């Protein structure tokens, strides 16, 4: 195993599987971070966390779990900015990733959000690049969207919990209605 460590912020097991594989193939020692105060309701958060723990055991990577459930901080950040909620959501989670990476002595970070064709890549790249510049930590970018289905193929035989929406209360509402916030 390489001594070059990478912290990957992880949003769910399905997006994590191929992302971890890709960065391991690039020679990195993977540390995955679970910090997702946006995921609502709490039982959804816990179901996704349990799937992450199972995936970590099955494919072999270190999983760092930030204890607690900072949903109040998440709602404070997005309140009044619902139409732009993703940028606030990305910022709170990626900021925590940088904080944890620096605390662990890890010099680079990325996110599994970058494998999803449903996420706002430009916003993710801008926030991550700014955080990297401000903290003197490297942001590693790879456009893995074309490998999204590969990740699902890895996890399907494991019968892991699979969510039906991005994670936040707003995305759940949009998923099950024909309405859009904002």
Protein backbone atom coordinates (compact mmCIF):
# COMPACT_ATOMS: atom_id res chain seq x y z
CA UNK A 1 0.00 0.00 0.00
CA UNK A 2 1.15 3.49 -0.82
CA UNK A 3 2.18 5.95 1.86
CA UNK A 4 0.51 8.76 -0.12
CA UNK A 5 -2.76 9.37 1.66
CA UNK A 6 -5.95 10.82 0.23
CA UNK A 7 -9.07 11.79 2.13
CA UNK A 8 -12.26 11.16 0.16
CA UNK A 9 -15.42 12.81 1.43
CA UNK A 10 -18.12 10.16 0.89
CA UNK A 11 -21.79 10.85 0.29
CA UNK A 12 -23.00 7.24 0.05
CA UNK A 13 -21.74 3.70 -0.48
CA UNK A 14 -22.77 3.54 -4.12
CA UNK A 15 -20.83 6.63 -5.14
CA UNK A 16 -17.91 5.55 -2.97
CA UNK A 17 -17.22 2.10 -4.44
CA UNK A 18 -15.77 3.05 -7.82
CA UNK A 19 -14.29 6.31 -6.51
CA UNK A 20 -12.21 4.40 -3.96
CA UNK A 21 -11.17 1.85 -6.57
CA UNK A 22 -10.10 4.60 -8.98
CA UNK A 23 -7.95 6.45 -6.43
CA UNK A 24 -6.43 3.20 -5.13
CA UNK A 25 -5.42 2.40 -8.72
CA UNK A 26 -3.74 5.82 -8.84
CA UNK A 27 -1.58 4.70 -5.90
CA UNK A 28 -3.29 6.39 -2.97
CA UNK A 29 -3.89 5.05 0.51
CA UNK A 30 -7.57 5.83 1.01
CA UNK A 31 -9.16 7.42 4.04
CA UNK A 32 -12.88 7.89 3.55
CA UNK A 33 -14.76 10.52 5.51
CA UNK A 34 -18.39 10.22 6.54
CA UNK A 35 -19.78 13.68 7.31
CA UNK A 36 -23.20 14.43 5.84
CA UNK A 37 -25.38 16.66 8.03
CA UNK A 38 -27.57 17.32 4.99
CA UNK A 39 -28.99 13.80 4.89
CA UNK A 40 -32.52 13.79 6.20
CA UNK A 41 -34.28 12.24 8.00
CA UNK A 42 -31.96 10.81 10.64
CA UNK A 43 -32.87 7.20 9.81
CA UNK A 44 -31.80 7.85 6.21
CA UNK A 45 -28.48 9.18 7.50
CA UNK A 46 -27.99 6.06 9.61
CA UNK A 47 -28.96 3.66 6.80
CA UNK A 48 -26.39 5.27 4.51
CA UNK A 49 -23.75 5.21 7.25
CA UNK A 50 -24.31 1.50 7.86
CA UNK A 51 -23.95 0.84 4.12
CA UNK A 52 -20.66 2.78 4.19
CA UNK A 53 -19.37 0.70 7.07
CA UNK A 54 -20.23 -2.50 5.22
CA UNK A 55 -18.57 -1.25 2.03
CA UNK A 56 -15.46 -0.25 3.97
CA UNK A 57 -15.20 -3.77 5.40
CA UNK A 58 -15.93 -5.44 2.06
CA UNK A 59 -13.46 -3.58 -0.14
CA UNK A 60 -10.92 -2.52 2.48
CA UNK A 61 -10.46 1.17 3.16
CA UNK A 62 -10.22 3.25 6.30
CA UNK A 63 -13.51 4.94 7.22
CA UNK A 64 -13.41 8.04 9.42
CA UNK A 65 -16.82 8.89 10.87
CA UNK A 66 -17.41 12.35 12.26
CA UNK A 67 -19.59 11.67 15.28
CA UNK A 68 -22.84 13.50 15.70
CA UNK A 69 -25.42 14.76 13.28
CA UNK A 70 -24.98 18.49 12.55
CA UNK A 71 -28.32 18.90 10.79
CA UNK A 72 -29.00 22.15 12.68
CA UNK A 73 -25.83 23.69 11.21
CA UNK A 74 -26.86 22.48 7.77
CA UNK A 75 -30.32 24.07 8.00
CA UNK A 76 -28.85 27.31 9.37
CA UNK A 77 -26.55 27.50 6.35
CA UNK A 78 -29.18 26.82 3.69
CA UNK A 79 -32.13 28.69 5.24
CA UNK A 80 -33.11 31.48 2.88
CA UNK A 81 -30.87 30.04 0.15
CA UNK A 82 -32.91 26.98 -0.81
CA UNK A 83 -32.46 27.47 -4.57
CA UNK A 84 -28.66 27.57 -4.08
CA UNK A 85 -28.63 25.03 -1.28
CA UNK A 86 -26.16 22.72 -3.01
CA UNK A 87 -23.31 25.21 -2.83
CA UNK A 88 -23.87 25.66 0.93
CA UNK A 89 -24.19 21.92 1.39
CA UNK A 90 -21.00 21.21 -0.55
CA UNK A 91 -19.14 23.91 1.37
CA UNK A 92 -20.06 22.63 4.83
CA UNK A 93 -19.12 19.04 3.98
CA UNK A 94 -15.94 19.77 2.02
CA UNK A 95 -14.78 22.29 4.64
CA UNK A 96 -15.07 19.50 7.22
CA UNK A 97 -13.10 17.19 4.88
CA UNK A 98 -10.26 19.70 4.71
CA UNK A 99 -10.34 20.14 8.50
CA UNK A 100 -10.17 16.37 9.06
CA UNK A 101 -7.45 15.89 6.42
CA UNK A 102 -5.27 18.56 7.99
CA UNK A 103 -5.86 17.08 11.45
CA UNK A 104 -4.82 13.64 10.18
CA UNK A 105 -1.77 14.95 8.30
CA UNK A 106 -3.32 14.06 4.93
CA UNK A 107 -2.21 16.38 2.14
CA UNK A 108 -4.96 15.82 -0.47
CA UNK A 109 -8.74 15.52 -0.61
CA UNK A 110 -11.56 14.85 -3.04
CA UNK A 111 -15.21 13.79 -2.92
CA UNK A 112 -17.40 10.99 -4.17
CA UNK A 113 -19.88 13.68 -5.18
CA UNK A 114 -17.74 14.00 -8.33
CA UNK A 115 -18.87 10.62 -9.66
CA UNK A 116 -22.53 11.56 -9.71
CA UNK A 117 -24.02 12.93 -12.92
CA UNK A 118 -26.68 14.52 -10.70
CA UNK A 119 -24.30 16.88 -8.89
CA UNK A 120 -23.18 20.37 -9.89
CA UNK A 121 -19.57 19.75 -10.91
CA UNK A 122 -18.64 23.37 -11.54
CA UNK A 123 -19.83 24.33 -8.07
CA UNK A 124 -17.98 21.39 -6.50
CA UNK A 125 -14.75 22.25 -8.31
CA UNK A 126 -14.96 25.94 -7.41
CA UNK A 127 -15.58 25.29 -3.71
CA UNK A 128 -12.93 22.57 -3.49
CA UNK A 129 -10.34 24.65 -5.32
CA UNK A 130 -10.92 27.62 -3.02
CA UNK A 131 -10.72 25.43 0.09
CA UNK A 132 -7.50 23.89 -1.23
CA UNK A 133 -5.97 27.29 -1.89
CA UNK A 134 -7.00 28.67 1.51
CA UNK A 135 -5.72 25.66 3.45
CA UNK A 136 -2.64 24.66 1.44
CA UNK A 137 -4.01 21.18 0.83
CA UNK A 138 -4.30 19.64 -2.62
CA UNK A 139 -7.69 19.06 -4.21
CA UNK A 140 -7.63 16.07 -6.57
CA UNK A 141 -10.15 16.15 -9.37
CA UNK A 142 -11.19 13.33 -11.66
CA UNK A 143 -14.37 13.41 -13.71
CA UNK A 144 -15.73 9.97 -12.90
CA UNK A 145 -19.31 10.57 -14.06
CA UNK A 146 -18.97 8.07 -16.92
CA UNK A 147 -18.09 5.41 -14.30
CA UNK A 148 -21.20 6.02 -12.18
CA UNK A 149 -22.82 2.75 -13.30
CA UNK A 150 -19.56 0.87 -12.57
CA UNK A 151 -19.91 1.91 -8.95
CA UNK A 152 -23.44 0.51 -8.86
CA UNK A 153 -22.20 -2.78 -10.36
CA UNK A 154 -19.64 -3.09 -7.56
CA UNK A 155 -22.20 -2.52 -4.80
CA UNK A 156 -25.25 -4.33 -6.15
CA UNK A 157 -24.00 -7.85 -5.22
CA UNK A 158 -23.35 -6.57 -1.69
CA UNK A 159 -27.07 -5.74 -1.31
CA UNK A 160 -26.26 -2.42 0.35
CA UNK A 161 -28.91 0.12 1.22
CA UNK A 162 -29.61 2.30 -1.82
CA UNK A 163 -31.12 5.74 -1.36
CA UNK A 164 -33.78 7.19 -3.63
CA UNK A 165 -32.77 10.87 -3.45
CA UNK A 166 -29.67 13.01 -3.03
CA UNK A 167 -30.05 13.37 0.70
CA UNK A 168 -31.49 16.63 1.90
CA UNK A 169 -35.09 17.31 2.80
CA UNK A 170 -35.46 19.44 -0.32
CA UNK A 171 -34.16 16.75 -2.66
CA UNK A 172 -36.44 14.18 -1.04
CA UNK A 173 -39.42 16.48 -1.61
CA UNK A 174 -38.39 17.09 -5.23
CA UNK A 175 -37.92 13.35 -5.78
CA UNK A 176 -41.43 12.48 -4.72
CA UNK A 177 -43.27 15.48 -6.21
CA UNK A 178 -43.17 17.30 -9.51
CA UNK A 179 -42.09 20.48 -7.76
CA UNK A 180 -38.70 22.14 -7.45
CA UNK A 181 -37.47 24.32 -4.57
CA UNK A 182 -36.64 27.86 -5.58
